[in-house]
Amino acid sequence: MAQYRRLLQLGLPITTRPFRLADRMLFRSLSRDDDPLLYGEFFESTEDDPDTAEWYRNLIREGVCAALAESGREDDPRLRGMAHKVISSVSAFLRSELVTDPLLKRGGNSWQLHPEAAPPSWWSVAMLAAMPSLQRERAGFVERLGAYLGQPALDRSFMVTVGKTSMRPTHLLMGDPLELDNKGAPKDVPLALHFIELLAGLGQLHASASAVSVLQQLLQDLDGDGVWHPKNLRSQPKAASPVSHHYWPLAPDDGGLSARQADITFRLALIAKRLGWHLEYA
């Protein structure tokens, strides 16, 4: 899915061969087809455990929904049906008591996510941000999601246990994911931009004080032509999270100033457009 979304970010037309070939498998992933091929790298972990297989399959479906929604297929009934299922699961979590205490003590100082907790993931949020018609249908949920994403993230590290496997859940959003330094600047600029862009797509940027603050800081570094031009820009900001793998960078750092400026300049303009701001181009 990351490669599919990467091609979308690069602007490759969805009518081209790479997308046509991938679409067949992605849409099959949304169905009840139990072909082992559809489990990808997770197949060996799912062979003898139906519950584990269903968990991994739902994980794959969330990523597929995000990819297909971002490709402009929000009206496809197969995508819409699965999108409603994903949203209903997250909505039940946001309405439950687990939303305030989703962790279980595992022994010692370790914690694990409650098996019935279904917090939003980066994929489910990206899916919804790319489906404005669905946002209108589930307006109440969008408001609750925005409020949740504006809350401080959990301050405890935890694992997700699936069958006999435990993993660190980098795909989950347990509140506001932005980490800021003592000057209020994001420690991971690409991740911050991705989060801000998703909130803008949801119409919920106002819900996250940290996202608003980071955006204001970045906007202050725009020059008179709207180009991001901070002082002492020695290198392109580096991504620290795999969440933004598909997203950053679009322009490789070739050592020149313009290459270092390009991605953030583009992202700020795109965020502004999603916020409904009027842009003028020289």
Foldseek 3Di string as FASTA:
>chain_A
DLVLLLVVLLPDQCVDDVNVVVVVLLLVLLDPDPPLVNLPPCSVVCPPPVQLVVVSSLVSNLQSLLSCLSNPPLVPPSSVVNLVVLLVLQLVLLPDPCLVPQWDDDPDQAIAGNPSHRHDFLSSLSNPLSRVVVCVVPVVSLVSNLLQQQDDADPGFHWYDRPPDIDGCLGGRSHPPFDADPVLETPFVLVLLSVLLSCLSSVRNVNHPSSVVNLVVQQVQADPQQWRHDPPQQAAGDGDGCSCVSPPDSQDCPRDPCSSGPRSSVSNVSSCVSNVHDDDHD
